[in-house]
Amino acid sequence: MPAHSDVATDQELPADMPFDSPNLSPSDTGEERSPVVVISPPGAWPTLGVRELWRYRDLLSQIVWRDFSAMYRQSVIGIAWAVITPVVTMIVFSVVFGKMARIPSDGIPYPLFTFTGLLPWTYFAACLTGASNSTVTGGHLLTKVYFPRLILPLSKVVNGLIAFAIQFVLLLVLMVWYQVPLTSRAFAVPLLVLICAVSGLSVGLWLTALSVKYRDVKHIVPFLSRMWMWVSPVVYPASLAAEEWRILYWLNPMVGVIEGFRWAILGKLAPDWTMLAISLTGVVAMLVGGLYFFRKAEATFADTI
């Protein structure tokens, strides 16, 4: 039997020996212990995974910047398109509905009236359209690497905020031009923008989960967006809605958002808060259902795409 020696000797250890073995510790190998990832089957009620979304916030910002830069890349006027599109739409609406059809605007100059409606509507349409197509257009990512799938529709909502901020500056310019002062109610604008984003995301989650299996959705979304605009008070005040259709009309979340925008920015009469509460209840219910449906369906996205 060899004599005991104080000098450490190399010895072959089993490959599956854990770090908590009495014969080996992380410090003996010079390596740090890797975090343990536990993979478990989803429960009956999938969680939102807020903590996981926060860990992937860098990926979210990269996708947002990639989409925004790709939108205006190799364009002659670049980001100016974010302003030109709503301005041209405002001019057309002002001529057709303001001058020719003479639709009332509650005493507000019609170009300013319609642009104040177009601003939240354009953001809502961008959230709805972008979120609805997010899983299909991001299919190349879904099949290569794991990340929270909810990042894809969320990135479209965040991306739309950039164009909204640019267009909001133009709205302030129009208010100066028409000498309409900004009131203290403008502090409600961030809340209205949040409601607008949640409304677009709630519908987009349902549609984007369905679009993976049914590609007809991409043809339905543009038609749905156009029809939705005409049943929203973009070019006319909500007061024109018939009394017997009032409750059904206010179930449209964009009615409360647009009317609230005009109240906060232009000092218009306050919207019907009771009807607005009913509208928000519907939005929350649709968002919860959309999140549940999306999280249940996301496990099959990579296989189906």
Protein backbone atom coordinates (compact mmCIF):
# COMPACT_ATOMS: atom_id res chain seq x y z
CA MET A 1 0.00 0.00 0.00
CA PRO A 2 1.54 3.34 -1.01
CA ALA A 3 2.34 5.89 1.65
CA HIS A 4 -0.03 8.80 2.15
CA SER A 5 1.07 11.99 0.40
CA ASP A 6 -0.02 15.59 0.95
CA VAL A 7 0.45 16.35 -2.75
CA ALA A 8 -2.77 16.28 -4.78
CA THR A 9 -2.79 13.82 -7.63
CA ASP A 10 -4.94 13.79 -10.77
CA GLN A 11 -7.65 11.20 -10.70
CA GLU A 12 -10.41 10.42 -13.15
CA LEU A 13 -13.84 11.26 -11.79
CA PRO A 14 -17.24 10.15 -13.04
CA ALA A 15 -18.67 12.54 -15.64
CA ASP A 16 -22.01 12.75 -13.84
CA MET A 17 -20.56 13.54 -10.41
CA PRO A 18 -22.46 16.60 -9.05
CA PHE A 19 -20.75 19.65 -7.62
CA ASP A 20 -22.23 18.95 -4.24
CA SER A 21 -20.27 15.69 -4.02
CA PRO A 22 -18.03 15.55 -0.94
CA ASN A 23 -15.08 14.81 -3.23
CA LEU A 24 -15.53 17.83 -5.51
CA SER A 25 -16.64 21.45 -5.25
CA PRO A 26 -16.96 24.27 -7.80
CA SER A 27 -13.87 25.94 -6.36
CA ASP A 28 -11.81 22.78 -6.99
CA THR A 29 -12.49 22.98 -10.72
CA GLY A 30 -11.99 26.72 -11.05
CA GLU A 31 -15.46 27.04 -12.62
CA GLU A 32 -18.63 28.72 -11.38
CA ARG A 33 -21.70 26.65 -10.93
CA SER A 34 -24.19 27.12 -13.80
CA PRO A 35 -27.76 28.13 -12.98
CA VAL A 36 -30.24 25.28 -12.89
CA VAL A 37 -33.11 25.52 -15.37
CA VAL A 38 -36.17 23.47 -14.48
CA ILE A 39 -38.49 22.64 -17.39
CA SER A 40 -41.98 21.66 -16.31
CA PRO A 41 -45.20 21.08 -18.28
CA PRO A 42 -47.60 24.02 -18.46
CA GLY A 43 -50.46 24.09 -16.01
CA ALA A 44 -54.13 24.34 -16.77
CA TRP A 45 -53.89 28.16 -16.54
CA PRO A 46 -50.74 29.46 -18.25
CA THR A 47 -49.00 32.35 -16.56
CA LEU A 48 -48.14 35.63 -18.22
CA GLY A 49 -44.43 35.19 -17.47
CA VAL A 50 -43.70 38.83 -16.61
CA ARG A 51 -40.38 37.95 -14.98
CA GLU A 52 -39.30 36.06 -18.09
CA LEU A 53 -40.36 38.95 -20.33
CA TRP A 54 -38.23 41.30 -18.23
CA ARG A 55 -35.18 39.04 -18.67
CA TYR A 56 -35.62 39.26 -22.44
CA ARG A 57 -36.12 43.05 -22.52
CA ASP A 58 -32.92 43.49 -24.57
CA LEU A 59 -34.33 41.22 -27.26
CA LEU A 60 -37.54 43.25 -27.24
CA SER A 61 -35.63 46.50 -27.79
CA GLN A 62 -33.58 44.95 -30.61
CA ILE A 63 -36.67 43.69 -32.41
CA VAL A 64 -38.34 47.10 -32.05
CA TRP A 65 -35.31 48.90 -33.49
CA ARG A 66 -34.95 46.34 -36.29
CA ASP A 67 -38.58 46.73 -37.35
CA PHE A 68 -38.50 50.53 -37.15
CA SER A 69 -35.28 50.87 -39.16
CA ALA A 70 -36.45 48.30 -41.74
CA MET A 71 -39.67 50.24 -42.28
CA TYR A 72 -37.84 53.34 -43.56
CA ARG A 73 -34.62 51.77 -44.88
CA GLN A 74 -33.72 52.68 -48.47
CA SER A 75 -36.49 55.28 -48.47
CA VAL A 76 -35.89 58.69 -50.02
CA ILE A 77 -37.68 60.68 -47.33
CA GLY A 78 -37.30 58.10 -44.56
CA ILE A 79 -39.10 58.77 -41.30
CA ALA A 80 -41.06 61.64 -42.89
CA TRP A 81 -43.54 58.99 -44.05
CA ALA A 82 -44.75 58.83 -40.45
CA VAL A 83 -46.00 62.41 -40.91
CA ILE A 84 -46.99 62.45 -44.59
CA THR A 85 -49.51 59.61 -44.33
CA PRO A 86 -51.71 61.12 -41.58
CA VAL A 87 -51.39 64.63 -43.04
CA VAL A 88 -52.61 63.54 -46.49
CA THR A 89 -55.42 61.56 -44.87
CA MET A 90 -56.39 64.63 -42.83
CA ILE A 91 -56.51 66.80 -45.95
CA VAL A 92 -58.69 64.32 -47.85
CA PHE A 93 -61.08 63.89 -44.93
CA SER A 94 -61.27 67.65 -44.42
CA VAL A 95 -62.25 68.23 -48.05
CA VAL A 96 -64.67 65.30 -48.41
CA PHE A 97 -66.33 65.24 -45.00
CA GLY A 98 -65.68 68.77 -43.75
CA LYS A 99 -66.30 70.85 -46.88
CA MET A 100 -68.49 68.65 -49.08
CA ALA A 101 -70.49 66.55 -46.58
CA ARG A 102 -70.38 69.31 -43.93
CA ILE A 103 -70.18 66.89 -41.02
CA PRO A 104 -70.24 68.81 -37.70
CA SER A 105 -67.08 69.00 -35.63
CA ASP A 106 -68.42 70.41 -32.34
CA GLY A 107 -67.14 73.90 -33.13
CA ILE A 108 -63.54 72.73 -33.61
CA PRO A 109 -61.73 73.43 -36.92
CA TYR A 110 -62.35 70.28 -38.92
CA PRO A 111 -58.69 69.56 -39.84
CA LEU A 112 -57.76 69.67 -36.15
CA PHE A 113 -60.87 67.69 -35.23
CA THR A 114 -60.14 64.87 -37.65
CA PHE A 115 -56.39 64.76 -36.93
CA THR A 116 -57.10 64.38 -33.22
CA GLY A 117 -59.19 61.34 -34.12
CA LEU A 118 -56.66 60.02 -36.61
CA LEU A 119 -53.79 60.13 -34.10
CA PRO A 120 -55.07 57.45 -31.67
CA TRP A 121 -56.74 55.54 -34.47
CA THR A 122 -53.52 55.24 -36.48
CA TYR A 123 -51.71 53.91 -33.42
CA PHE A 124 -54.50 51.42 -32.71
CA ALA A 125 -54.48 50.20 -36.32
CA ALA A 126 -50.69 49.79 -36.20
CA CYS A 127 -50.95 47.74 -32.99
CA LEU A 128 -53.77 45.62 -34.39
CA THR A 129 -52.16 44.95 -37.77
CA GLY A 130 -48.63 44.47 -36.44
CA ALA A 131 -49.63 42.18 -33.57
CA SER A 132 -51.89 40.12 -35.84
CA ASN A 133 -49.05 39.32 -38.24
CA SER A 134 -46.25 39.10 -35.67
CA THR A 135 -46.00 35.33 -35.27
CA VAL A 136 -46.07 34.60 -39.00
CA THR A 137 -43.53 37.31 -39.91
CA GLY A 138 -41.34 36.23 -36.97
CA GLY A 139 -41.52 32.57 -37.88
CA HIS A 140 -37.80 32.40 -38.71
CA LEU A 141 -37.05 33.28 -35.09
CA LEU A 142 -39.58 30.87 -33.62
CA THR A 143 -37.95 27.88 -35.27
CA LYS A 144 -34.37 28.75 -34.29
CA VAL A 145 -34.20 29.92 -30.70
CA TYR A 146 -36.35 30.02 -27.60
CA PHE A 147 -37.69 33.30 -26.23
CA PRO A 148 -41.04 34.36 -24.80
CA ARG A 149 -43.36 34.33 -27.80
CA LEU A 150 -45.31 37.23 -26.34
CA ILE A 151 -42.37 39.48 -27.25
CA LEU A 152 -43.37 39.41 -30.92
CA PRO A 153 -46.81 41.10 -30.58
CA LEU A 154 -45.49 43.35 -27.80
CA SER A 155 -42.73 44.63 -30.08
CA LYS A 156 -45.32 45.88 -32.58
CA VAL A 157 -47.12 47.80 -29.84
CA VAL A 158 -43.88 49.46 -28.68
CA ASN A 159 -42.79 50.14 -32.26
CA GLY A 160 -45.98 52.06 -32.97
CA LEU A 161 -45.24 54.43 -30.09
CA ILE A 162 -42.33 55.93 -32.05
CA ALA A 163 -44.54 57.01 -34.94
CA PHE A 164 -47.21 58.16 -32.46
CA ALA A 165 -44.71 60.46 -30.72
CA ILE A 166 -43.72 62.03 -34.05
CA GLN A 167 -47.35 62.57 -35.06
CA PHE A 168 -48.18 64.02 -31.64
CA VAL A 169 -45.63 66.78 -32.24
CA LEU A 170 -47.44 67.57 -35.49
CA LEU A 171 -50.71 67.78 -33.54
CA LEU A 172 -49.16 70.38 -31.24
CA VAL A 173 -48.11 72.37 -34.33
CA LEU A 174 -51.69 72.28 -35.63
CA MET A 175 -52.96 73.51 -32.26
CA VAL A 176 -50.59 76.47 -32.43
CA TRP A 177 -51.71 77.15 -36.03
CA TYR A 178 -55.41 77.17 -35.07
CA GLN A 179 -54.69 78.94 -31.77
CA VAL A 180 -56.19 76.20 -29.62
CA PRO A 181 -54.49 76.14 -26.20
CA LEU A 182 -53.41 72.94 -24.54
CA THR A 183 -55.34 72.33 -21.31
CA SER A 184 -54.37 70.63 -18.07
CA ARG A 185 -56.45 67.65 -19.16
CA ALA A 186 -53.54 66.65 -21.40
CA PHE A 187 -52.17 64.72 -18.42
CA ALA A 188 -54.77 62.08 -19.28
CA VAL A 189 -53.15 61.41 -22.67
CA PRO A 190 -50.70 58.69 -21.43
CA LEU A 191 -53.62 56.77 -19.90
CA LEU A 192 -55.60 57.03 -23.14
CA VAL A 193 -52.58 55.87 -25.13
CA LEU A 194 -52.26 52.88 -22.80
CA ILE A 195 -55.93 51.99 -23.33
CA CYS A 196 -55.41 52.32 -27.07
CA ALA A 197 -52.38 50.00 -26.99
CA VAL A 198 -54.15 47.43 -24.82
CA SER A 199 -57.17 47.48 -27.14
CA GLY A 200 -55.04 46.79 -30.20
CA LEU A 201 -52.99 44.13 -28.41
CA SER A 202 -56.05 42.34 -27.01
CA VAL A 203 -57.53 41.81 -30.48
CA GLY A 204 -54.12 41.18 -32.04
CA LEU A 205 -53.35 38.32 -29.63
CA TRP A 206 -56.42 36.41 -30.77
CA LEU A 207 -55.70 37.03 -34.44
CA THR A 208 -51.97 36.28 -34.34
CA ALA A 209 -52.55 32.92 -32.62
CA LEU A 210 -55.15 32.03 -35.25
CA SER A 211 -52.98 33.25 -38.15
CA VAL A 212 -50.40 30.53 -37.51
CA LYS A 213 -52.94 27.85 -38.43
CA TYR A 214 -55.31 29.83 -40.63
CA ARG A 215 -53.53 32.11 -43.10
CA ASP A 216 -56.86 33.67 -44.06
CA VAL A 217 -56.35 36.00 -41.09
CA LYS A 218 -53.84 38.12 -43.01
CA HIS A 219 -56.56 38.89 -45.55
CA ILE A 220 -59.18 39.58 -42.89
CA VAL A 221 -57.12 42.06 -40.84
CA PRO A 222 -56.90 44.89 -43.45
CA PHE A 223 -60.63 44.64 -44.10
CA LEU A 224 -61.36 44.56 -40.36
CA SER A 225 -59.17 47.62 -39.80
CA ARG A 226 -60.92 49.66 -42.50
CA MET A 227 -64.40 48.74 -41.28
CA TRP A 228 -63.43 49.45 -37.67
CA MET A 229 -62.38 52.99 -38.58
CA TRP A 230 -65.80 53.84 -40.02
CA VAL A 231 -67.59 52.68 -36.86
CA SER A 232 -65.23 54.83 -34.76
CA PRO A 233 -65.71 58.62 -34.42
CA VAL A 234 -62.68 59.60 -36.48
CA VAL A 235 -64.42 61.83 -39.03
CA TYR A 236 -67.59 62.52 -37.04
CA PRO A 237 -68.46 63.15 -33.38
CA ALA A 238 -69.82 60.28 -31.30
CA SER A 239 -72.89 62.40 -30.53
CA LEU A 240 -74.23 61.55 -34.02
CA ALA A 241 -74.78 57.93 -32.97
CA ALA A 242 -78.47 57.11 -32.58
CA GLU A 243 -79.70 56.68 -29.01
CA GLU A 244 -80.97 53.14 -29.58
CA TRP A 245 -77.51 52.06 -30.76
CA ARG A 246 -75.61 53.90 -28.03
CA ILE A 247 -74.69 50.97 -25.77
CA LEU A 248 -73.67 48.77 -28.70
CA TYR A 249 -71.71 51.66 -30.23
CA TRP A 250 -69.75 52.28 -27.03
CA LEU A 251 -68.69 48.65 -26.83
CA ASN A 252 -66.17 49.73 -29.44
CA PRO A 253 -63.17 50.69 -27.26
CA MET A 254 -61.93 53.26 -29.77
CA VAL A 255 -65.06 55.36 -29.27
CA GLY A 256 -64.02 56.13 -25.69
CA VAL A 257 -60.35 56.57 -26.62
CA ILE A 258 -61.01 59.04 -29.45
CA GLU A 259 -63.63 60.99 -27.54
CA GLY A 260 -61.32 61.04 -24.52
CA PHE A 261 -58.49 62.33 -26.71
CA ARG A 262 -60.58 65.22 -27.93
CA TRP A 263 -61.64 65.97 -24.37
CA ALA A 264 -58.03 65.93 -23.11
CA ILE A 265 -56.43 67.81 -26.02
CA LEU A 266 -59.11 70.15 -27.34
CA GLY A 267 -61.17 70.79 -24.21
CA LYS A 268 -64.20 69.11 -25.77
CA LEU A 269 -67.09 67.90 -23.61
CA ALA A 270 -66.18 64.92 -21.45
CA PRO A 271 -67.12 61.50 -22.80
CA ASP A 272 -69.82 59.38 -21.19
CA TRP A 273 -67.86 57.86 -18.30
CA THR A 274 -70.44 55.10 -17.75
CA MET A 275 -70.20 53.98 -21.36
CA LEU A 276 -66.42 54.29 -21.19
CA ALA A 277 -66.35 52.00 -18.15
CA ILE A 278 -68.40 49.41 -20.06
CA SER A 279 -66.00 49.68 -22.97
CA LEU A 280 -62.94 49.21 -20.74
CA THR A 281 -64.52 46.17 -19.10
CA GLY A 282 -64.85 44.59 -22.53
CA VAL A 283 -61.22 45.42 -23.36
CA VAL A 284 -59.93 43.84 -20.15
CA ALA A 285 -62.02 40.71 -20.73
CA MET A 286 -60.74 40.40 -24.29
CA LEU A 287 -57.13 40.94 -23.16
CA VAL A 288 -57.32 38.24 -20.49
CA GLY A 289 -58.91 35.84 -22.95
CA GLY A 290 -56.38 36.73 -25.64
CA LEU A 291 -53.43 36.15 -23.30
CA TYR A 292 -54.82 32.78 -22.23
CA PHE A 293 -55.50 31.72 -25.83
CA PHE A 294 -52.09 32.91 -27.03
CA ARG A 295 -50.15 31.16 -24.24
CA LYS A 296 -52.03 27.91 -24.83
CA ALA A 297 -51.41 28.03 -28.58
CA GLU A 298 -47.76 29.16 -28.54
CA ALA A 299 -46.47 25.64 -27.83
CA THR A 300 -47.40 24.61 -31.39
CA PHE A 301 -46.21 27.75 -33.20
CA ALA A 302 -42.80 26.42 -34.26
CA ASP A 303 -44.23 23.10 -35.49
CA THR A 304 -47.07 24.69 -37.44
CA ILE A 305 -45.04 27.48 -39.06
